[in-house]
């Protein structure tokens, strides 16, 4: 209960400092971190980036060595190899392409969430800044002739805090999303190359 009270007090202090916008920003940061950790675990589990065996298989297909290519695929820890295994070798090309597309789609899951956070967080921060500036100038108007410059400066500082928070959430999220997207792009190119080599070898 004591821990709960501390968390509640901390959230209250954050709310008092930046208002509900900062609380929303905190929620977005937690969501972003959760999705990023999930994607890291998923990429590791599916063997993303472990392309050596599939690359070797492509080389063997290009050389006309079907059996050696199958051996390389069997050693691969990349789940893309499941769409290229021998049990599908006599199947239609479209079926293997569909399996590869499903693999890519699985890797891209969660990207829209990260992209939305990267786009919404700065706008939400700007919205909080506008609200804060309104409060600051309202306080300035109410003060009349007895204007305290520190009051205005304090209001502006608090208002700008939400913009900084929005950028702090958006920038790392955008960078990580770009990294994930580049890995998926490599995976897509690898899949296309492997499928073409597999069926070129079959025709030959």
C-alpha atoms as a PDB file:
ATOM      1  CA  UNK A   1       0.000   0.000   0.000  1.00  0.00           C
ATOM      2  CA  UNK A   2       2.900   2.293   0.767  1.00  0.00           C
ATOM      3  CA  UNK A   3       4.307   1.719  -2.721  1.00  0.00           C
ATOM      4  CA  UNK A   4       0.912   2.474  -4.234  1.00  0.00           C
ATOM      5  CA  UNK A   5       0.730   5.731  -2.295  1.00  0.00           C
ATOM      6  CA  UNK A   6       4.180   6.720  -3.539  1.00  0.00           C
ATOM      7  CA  UNK A   7       3.201   6.021  -7.140  1.00  0.00           C
ATOM      8  CA  UNK A   8      -0.014   7.959  -6.692  1.00  0.00           C
ATOM      9  CA  UNK A   9       1.867  10.898  -5.174  1.00  0.00           C
ATOM     10  CA  UNK A  10       4.373  10.847  -8.034  1.00  0.00           C
ATOM     11  CA  UNK A  11       1.616  10.838 -10.640  1.00  0.00           C
ATOM     12  CA  UNK A  12      -0.115  13.668  -8.816  1.00  0.00           C
ATOM     13  CA  UNK A  13       3.065  15.746  -8.855  1.00  0.00           C
ATOM     14  CA  UNK A  14       3.445  15.113 -12.595  1.00  0.00           C
ATOM     15  CA  UNK A  15      -0.181  16.107 -13.125  1.00  0.00           C
ATOM     16  CA  UNK A  16       0.265  19.283 -11.086  1.00  0.00           C
ATOM     17  CA  UNK A  17       3.340  20.198 -13.112  1.00  0.00           C
ATOM     18  CA  UNK A  18       2.127  19.545 -16.642  1.00  0.00           C
ATOM     19  CA  UNK A  19      -1.543  18.727 -16.389  1.00  0.00           C
ATOM     20  CA  UNK A  20      -3.388  15.838 -18.055  1.00  0.00           C
ATOM     21  CA  UNK A  21      -1.324  16.192 -21.235  1.00  0.00           C
ATOM     22  CA  UNK A  22       1.827  15.041 -19.442  1.00  0.00           C
ATOM     23  CA  UNK A  23      -0.061  12.056 -18.007  1.00  0.00           C
ATOM     24  CA  UNK A  24      -1.150  11.131 -21.534  1.00  0.00           C
ATOM     25  CA  UNK A  25       2.443  11.555 -22.677  1.00  0.00           C
ATOM     26  CA  UNK A  26       3.594   9.227 -19.916  1.00  0.00           C
ATOM     27  CA  UNK A  27       1.044   6.647 -21.044  1.00  0.00           C
ATOM     28  CA  UNK A  28       2.278   6.948 -24.638  1.00  0.00           C
ATOM     29  CA  UNK A  29       5.873   6.459 -23.524  1.00  0.00           C
ATOM     30  CA  UNK A  30       4.937   3.312 -21.594  1.00  0.00           C
ATOM     31  CA  UNK A  31       3.002   1.988 -24.603  1.00  0.00           C
ATOM     32  CA  UNK A  32       5.900   2.781 -26.930  1.00  0.00           C
ATOM     33  CA  UNK A  33       8.409   1.046 -24.673  1.00  0.00           C
ATOM     34  CA  UNK A  34       6.150  -1.989 -24.373  1.00  0.00           C
ATOM     35  CA  UNK A  35       5.754  -2.335 -28.144  1.00  0.00           C
ATOM     36  CA  UNK A  36       9.496  -1.852 -28.707  1.00  0.00           C
ATOM     37  CA  UNK A  37      10.417  -4.557 -26.185  1.00  0.00           C
ATOM     38  CA  UNK A  38       7.851  -6.901 -27.726  1.00  0.00           C
ATOM     39  CA  UNK A  39       9.273  -6.308 -31.217  1.00  0.00           C
ATOM     40  CA  UNK A  40      12.840  -6.907 -30.024  1.00  0.00           C
ATOM     41  CA  UNK A  41      11.748 -10.212 -28.484  1.00  0.00           C
ATOM     42  CA  UNK A  42       9.760 -11.150 -31.618  1.00  0.00           C
ATOM     43  CA  UNK A  43      12.640 -10.347 -33.968  1.00  0.00           C
ATOM     44  CA  UNK A  44      14.993 -12.431 -31.828  1.00  0.00           C
ATOM     45  CA  UNK A  45      12.545 -15.349 -31.653  1.00  0.00           C
ATOM     46  CA  UNK A  46      11.950 -15.328 -35.418  1.00  0.00           C
ATOM     47  CA  UNK A  47      15.658 -15.065 -36.195  1.00  0.00           C
ATOM     48  CA  UNK A  48      15.501 -11.740 -38.029  1.00  0.00           C
ATOM     49  CA  UNK A  49      18.944 -10.794 -39.301  1.00  0.00           C
ATOM     50  CA  UNK A  50      20.276 -14.355 -39.160  1.00  0.00           C
ATOM     51  CA  UNK A  51      20.476 -14.589 -42.910  1.00  0.00           C
ATOM     52  CA  UNK A  52      23.736 -16.458 -43.508  1.00  0.00           C
ATOM     53  CA  UNK A  53      22.172 -19.855 -44.218  1.00  0.00           C
ATOM     54  CA  UNK A  54      19.460 -18.441 -46.487  1.00  0.00           C
ATOM     55  CA  UNK A  55      22.085 -16.441 -48.371  1.00  0.00           C
ATOM     56  CA  UNK A  56      24.123 -19.632 -48.753  1.00  0.00           C
ATOM     57  CA  UNK A  57      21.011 -21.429 -49.991  1.00  0.00           C
ATOM     58  CA  UNK A  58      20.496 -18.746 -52.640  1.00  0.00           C
ATOM     59  CA  UNK A  59      24.084 -19.246 -53.771  1.00  0.00           C
ATOM     60  CA  UNK A  60      23.531 -23.006 -53.999  1.00  0.00           C
ATOM     61  CA  UNK A  61      20.292 -22.583 -55.963  1.00  0.00           C
ATOM     62  CA  UNK A  62      22.027 -20.250 -58.388  1.00  0.00           C
ATOM     63  CA  UNK A  63      24.691 -22.921 -58.832  1.00  0.00           C
ATOM     64  CA  UNK A  64      22.025 -25.584 -59.383  1.00  0.00           C
ATOM     65  CA  UNK A  65      22.768 -27.456 -56.137  1.00  0.00           C
ATOM     66  CA  UNK A  66      19.270 -28.157 -54.817  1.00  0.00           C
ATOM     67  CA  UNK A  67      20.361 -30.609 -52.128  1.00  0.00           C
ATOM     68  CA  UNK A  68      23.008 -28.280 -50.735  1.00  0.00           C
ATOM     69  CA  UNK A  69      20.468 -25.455 -50.682  1.00  0.00           C
ATOM     70  CA  UNK A  70      18.061 -27.623 -48.690  1.00  0.00           C
ATOM     71  CA  UNK A  71      20.845 -28.451 -46.242  1.00  0.00           C
ATOM     72  CA  UNK A  72      21.560 -24.761 -45.701  1.00  0.00           C
ATOM     73  CA  UNK A  73      17.871 -24.016 -45.168  1.00  0.00           C
ATOM     74  CA  UNK A  74      17.598 -26.774 -42.588  1.00  0.00           C
ATOM     75  CA  UNK A  75      20.329 -25.076 -40.543  1.00  0.00           C
ATOM     76  CA  UNK A  76      18.738 -21.628 -40.697  1.00  0.00           C
ATOM     77  CA  UNK A  77      17.347 -20.066 -37.512  1.00  0.00           C
ATOM     78  CA  UNK A  78      15.439 -17.479 -39.522  1.00  0.00           C
ATOM     79  CA  UNK A  79      11.741 -18.389 -39.656  1.00  0.00           C
ATOM     80  CA  UNK A  80      11.667 -17.206 -43.275  1.00  0.00           C
ATOM     81  CA  UNK A  81      13.285 -20.529 -44.132  1.00  0.00           C
ATOM     82  CA  UNK A  82      10.011 -22.260 -43.185  1.00  0.00           C
ATOM     83  CA  UNK A  83       8.433 -20.852 -46.357  1.00  0.00           C
ATOM     84  CA  UNK A  84      11.309 -22.191 -48.441  1.00  0.00           C
ATOM     85  CA  UNK A  85      11.655 -25.716 -47.075  1.00  0.00           C
ATOM     86  CA  UNK A  86      11.492 -28.778 -49.329  1.00  0.00           C
ATOM     87  CA  UNK A  87       7.892 -29.602 -48.396  1.00  0.00           C
ATOM     88  CA  UNK A  88       6.824 -26.576 -50.450  1.00  0.00           C
ATOM     89  CA  UNK A  89       9.345 -26.984 -53.258  1.00  0.00           C
ATOM     90  CA  UNK A  90       6.830 -28.564 -55.645  1.00  0.00           C
ATOM     91  CA  UNK A  91       4.048 -26.187 -54.692  1.00  0.00           C
ATOM     92  CA  UNK A  92       3.005 -23.144 -56.693  1.00  0.00           C
ATOM     93  CA  UNK A  93       5.148 -20.037 -56.496  1.00  0.00           C
ATOM     94  CA  UNK A  94       2.201 -17.965 -55.304  1.00  0.00           C
ATOM     95  CA  UNK A  95       1.797 -20.189 -52.254  1.00  0.00           C
ATOM     96  CA  UNK A  96       5.413 -19.707 -51.201  1.00  0.00           C
ATOM     97  CA  UNK A  97       5.111 -15.981 -51.872  1.00  0.00           C
ATOM     98  CA  UNK A  98       2.019 -15.906 -49.660  1.00  0.00           C
ATOM     99  CA  UNK A  99       3.900 -17.631 -46.848  1.00  0.00           C
ATOM    100  CA  UNK A 100       6.782 -15.177 -47.199  1.00  0.00           C
ATOM    101  CA  UNK A 101       4.323 -12.266 -47.199  1.00  0.00           C
ATOM    102  CA  UNK A 102       2.729 -13.608 -44.022  1.00  0.00           C
ATOM    103  CA  UNK A 103       6.184 -13.729 -42.437  1.00  0.00           C
ATOM    104  CA  UNK A 104       6.834 -10.093 -43.409  1.00  0.00           C
ATOM    105  CA  UNK A 105       3.383  -9.021 -42.189  1.00  0.00           C
ATOM    106  CA  UNK A 106       4.088 -10.607 -38.813  1.00  0.00           C
ATOM    107  CA  UNK A 107       7.325  -8.649 -38.569  1.00  0.00           C
ATOM    108  CA  UNK A 108       5.499  -5.410 -39.407  1.00  0.00           C
ATOM    109  CA  UNK A 109       2.855  -5.894 -36.723  1.00  0.00           C
ATOM    110  CA  UNK A 110       2.988  -3.075 -34.203  1.00  0.00           C
ATOM    111  CA  UNK A 111       4.623  -0.642 -36.628  1.00  0.00           C
ATOM    112  CA  UNK A 112       1.436   1.400 -36.989  1.00  0.00           C
ATOM    113  CA  UNK A 113       1.251   1.818 -33.230  1.00  0.00           C
ATOM    114  CA  UNK A 114       4.819   3.122 -33.072  1.00  0.00           C
ATOM    115  CA  UNK A 115       4.247   5.353 -36.094  1.00  0.00           C
ATOM    116  CA  UNK A 116       1.097   6.791 -34.525  1.00  0.00           C
ATOM    117  CA  UNK A 117       2.920   7.504 -31.265  1.00  0.00           C
ATOM    118  CA  UNK A 118       5.779   9.196 -33.128  1.00  0.00           C
ATOM    119  CA  UNK A 119       3.293  11.444 -34.931  1.00  0.00           C
ATOM    120  CA  UNK A 120       0.841  12.120 -32.102  1.00  0.00           C
ATOM    121  CA  UNK A 121       3.306  12.793 -29.265  1.00  0.00           C
ATOM    122  CA  UNK A 122       4.701  16.099 -30.673  1.00  0.00           C
ATOM    123  CA  UNK A 123       1.196  17.310 -31.542  1.00  0.00           C
ATOM    124  CA  UNK A 124      -0.027  16.389 -28.089  1.00  0.00           C
ATOM    125  CA  UNK A 125       2.940  18.217 -26.590  1.00  0.00           C
ATOM    126  CA  UNK A 126       2.170  21.284 -28.692  1.00  0.00           C
ATOM    127  CA  UNK A 127      -1.447  21.113 -27.579  1.00  0.00           C
ATOM    128  CA  UNK A 128      -0.301  21.066 -23.964  1.00  0.00           C
ATOM    129  CA  UNK A 129       1.932  24.069 -24.631  1.00  0.00           C
ATOM    130  CA  UNK A 130      -0.976  26.024 -26.105  1.00  0.00           C
ATOM    131  CA  UNK A 131      -3.124  25.213 -23.080  1.00  0.00           C
ATOM    132  CA  UNK A 132      -0.286  26.219 -20.769  1.00  0.00           C
ATOM    133  CA  UNK A 133       0.234  29.512 -22.578  1.00  0.00           C
ATOM    134  CA  UNK A 134      -3.471  30.263 -22.306  1.00  0.00           C
ATOM    135  CA  UNK A 135      -3.298  29.697 -18.544  1.00  0.00           C
ATOM    136  CA  UNK A 136      -0.166  31.847 -18.280  1.00  0.00           C
ATOM    137  CA  UNK A 137      -1.715  34.800 -20.111  1.00  0.00           C
ATOM    138  CA  UNK A 138      -4.943  34.447 -18.164  1.00  0.00           C
ATOM    139  CA  UNK A 139      -2.916  34.730 -14.970  1.00  0.00           C
ATOM    140  CA  UNK A 140      -1.129  37.740 -16.450  1.00  0.00           C
ATOM    141  CA  UNK A 141      -4.441  39.404 -17.268  1.00  0.00           C
ATOM    142  CA  UNK A 142      -5.826  38.766 -13.803  1.00  0.00           C
ATOM    143  CA  UNK A 143      -2.711  40.237 -12.220  1.00  0.00           C
ATOM    144  CA  UNK A 144      -3.441  43.578 -13.871  1.00  0.00           C
ATOM    145  CA  UNK A 145      -0.882  46.276 -13.107  1.00  0.00           C
ATOM    146  CA  UNK A 146       0.850  44.206 -10.431  1.00  0.00           C
ATOM    147  CA  UNK A 147       2.468  41.850 -12.928  1.00  0.00           C
ATOM    148  CA  UNK A 148       5.087  39.508 -11.544  1.00  0.00           C
ATOM    149  CA  UNK A 149       7.513  38.561 -14.353  1.00  0.00           C
ATOM    150  CA  UNK A 150       8.354  35.326 -12.541  1.00  0.00           C
ATOM    151  CA  UNK A 151       4.686  34.334 -12.722  1.00  0.00           C
ATOM    152  CA  UNK A 152       4.677  34.663 -16.506  1.00  0.00           C
ATOM    153  CA  UNK A 153       8.060  32.966 -16.855  1.00  0.00           C
ATOM    154  CA  UNK A 154       6.925  30.094 -14.661  1.00  0.00           C
ATOM    155  CA  UNK A 155       3.768  29.632 -16.711  1.00  0.00           C
ATOM    156  CA  UNK A 156       5.687  29.612 -19.978  1.00  0.00           C
ATOM    157  CA  UNK A 157       8.238  27.153 -18.578  1.00  0.00           C
ATOM    158  CA  UNK A 158       5.515  24.741 -17.545  1.00  0.00           C
ATOM    159  CA  UNK A 159       3.805  25.169 -20.917  1.00  0.00           C
ATOM    160  CA  UNK A 160       6.979  24.367 -22.854  1.00  0.00           C
ATOM    161  CA  UNK A 161       7.509  21.282 -20.708  1.00  0.00           C
ATOM    162  CA  UNK A 162       4.794  19.418 -22.599  1.00  0.00           C
ATOM    163  CA  UNK A 163       6.443  20.147 -25.955  1.00  0.00           C
ATOM    164  CA  UNK A 164       9.739  18.824 -24.626  1.00  0.00           C
ATOM    165  CA  UNK A 165       7.969  15.734 -23.294  1.00  0.00           C
ATOM    166  CA  UNK A 166       6.306  15.150 -26.666  1.00  0.00           C
ATOM    167  CA  UNK A 167       9.610  15.360 -28.509  1.00  0.00           C
ATOM    168  CA  UNK A 168      11.268  13.122 -25.911  1.00  0.00           C
ATOM    169  CA  UNK A 169       8.678  10.434 -26.648  1.00  0.00           C
ATOM    170  CA  UNK A 170       8.522  10.920 -30.425  1.00  0.00           C
ATOM    171  CA  UNK A 171      12.218  11.052 -31.335  1.00  0.00           C
ATOM    172  CA  UNK A 172      13.394   7.716 -29.875  1.00  0.00           C
ATOM    173  CA  UNK A 173      10.192   6.036 -31.034  1.00  0.00           C
ATOM    174  CA  UNK A 174      10.777   7.284 -34.581  1.00  0.00           C
ATOM    175  CA  UNK A 175      14.423   6.188 -34.544  1.00  0.00           C
ATOM    176  CA  UNK A 176      13.587   2.698 -33.306  1.00  0.00           C
ATOM    177  CA  UNK A 177      10.775   2.387 -35.849  1.00  0.00           C
ATOM    178  CA  UNK A 178      13.201   3.347 -38.625  1.00  0.00           C
ATOM    179  CA  UNK A 179      15.614   0.660 -37.418  1.00  0.00           C
ATOM    180  CA  UNK A 180      12.868  -1.977 -37.309  1.00  0.00           C
ATOM    181  CA  UNK A 181      11.630  -0.939 -40.745  1.00  0.00           C
ATOM    182  CA  UNK A 182      15.115  -1.255 -42.229  1.00  0.00           C
ATOM    183  CA  UNK A 183      15.451  -4.786 -40.850  1.00  0.00           C
ATOM    184  CA  UNK A 184      12.096  -5.770 -42.325  1.00  0.00           C
ATOM    185  CA  UNK A 185      13.081  -4.227 -45.677  1.00  0.00           C
ATOM    186  CA  UNK A 186      16.192  -6.419 -45.725  1.00  0.00           C
ATOM    187  CA  UNK A 187      14.056  -9.424 -44.854  1.00  0.00           C
ATOM    188  CA  UNK A 188      11.684  -8.624 -47.729  1.00  0.00           C
ATOM    189  CA  UNK A 189      14.536  -8.324 -50.236  1.00  0.00           C
ATOM    190  CA  UNK A 190      15.999 -11.600 -48.969  1.00  0.00           C
ATOM    191  CA  UNK A 191      12.637 -13.344 -49.346  1.00  0.00           C
ATOM    192  CA  UNK A 192      12.160 -12.094 -52.911  1.00  0.00           C
ATOM    193  CA  UNK A 193      15.687 -13.108 -53.883  1.00  0.00           C
ATOM    194  CA  UNK A 194      15.312 -16.549 -52.307  1.00  0.00           C
ATOM    195  CA  UNK A 195      11.995 -17.239 -54.023  1.00  0.00           C
ATOM    196  CA  UNK A 196      13.322 -16.183 -57.420  1.00  0.00           C
ATOM    197  CA  UNK A 197      16.458 -18.312 -57.009  1.00  0.00           C
ATOM    198  CA  UNK A 198      14.449 -21.296 -55.795  1.00  0.00           C
ATOM    199  CA  UNK A 199      12.105 -21.305 -58.778  1.00  0.00           C
ATOM    200  CA  UNK A 200      14.819 -20.435 -61.288  1.00  0.00           C
ATOM    201  CA  UNK A 201      16.710 -23.497 -60.070  1.00  0.00           C
ATOM    202  CA  UNK A 202      13.549 -25.596 -60.332  1.00  0.00           C
ATOM    203  CA  UNK A 203      12.928 -24.511 -63.916  1.00  0.00           C
ATOM    204  CA  UNK A 204      16.540 -25.178 -64.812  1.00  0.00           C
END
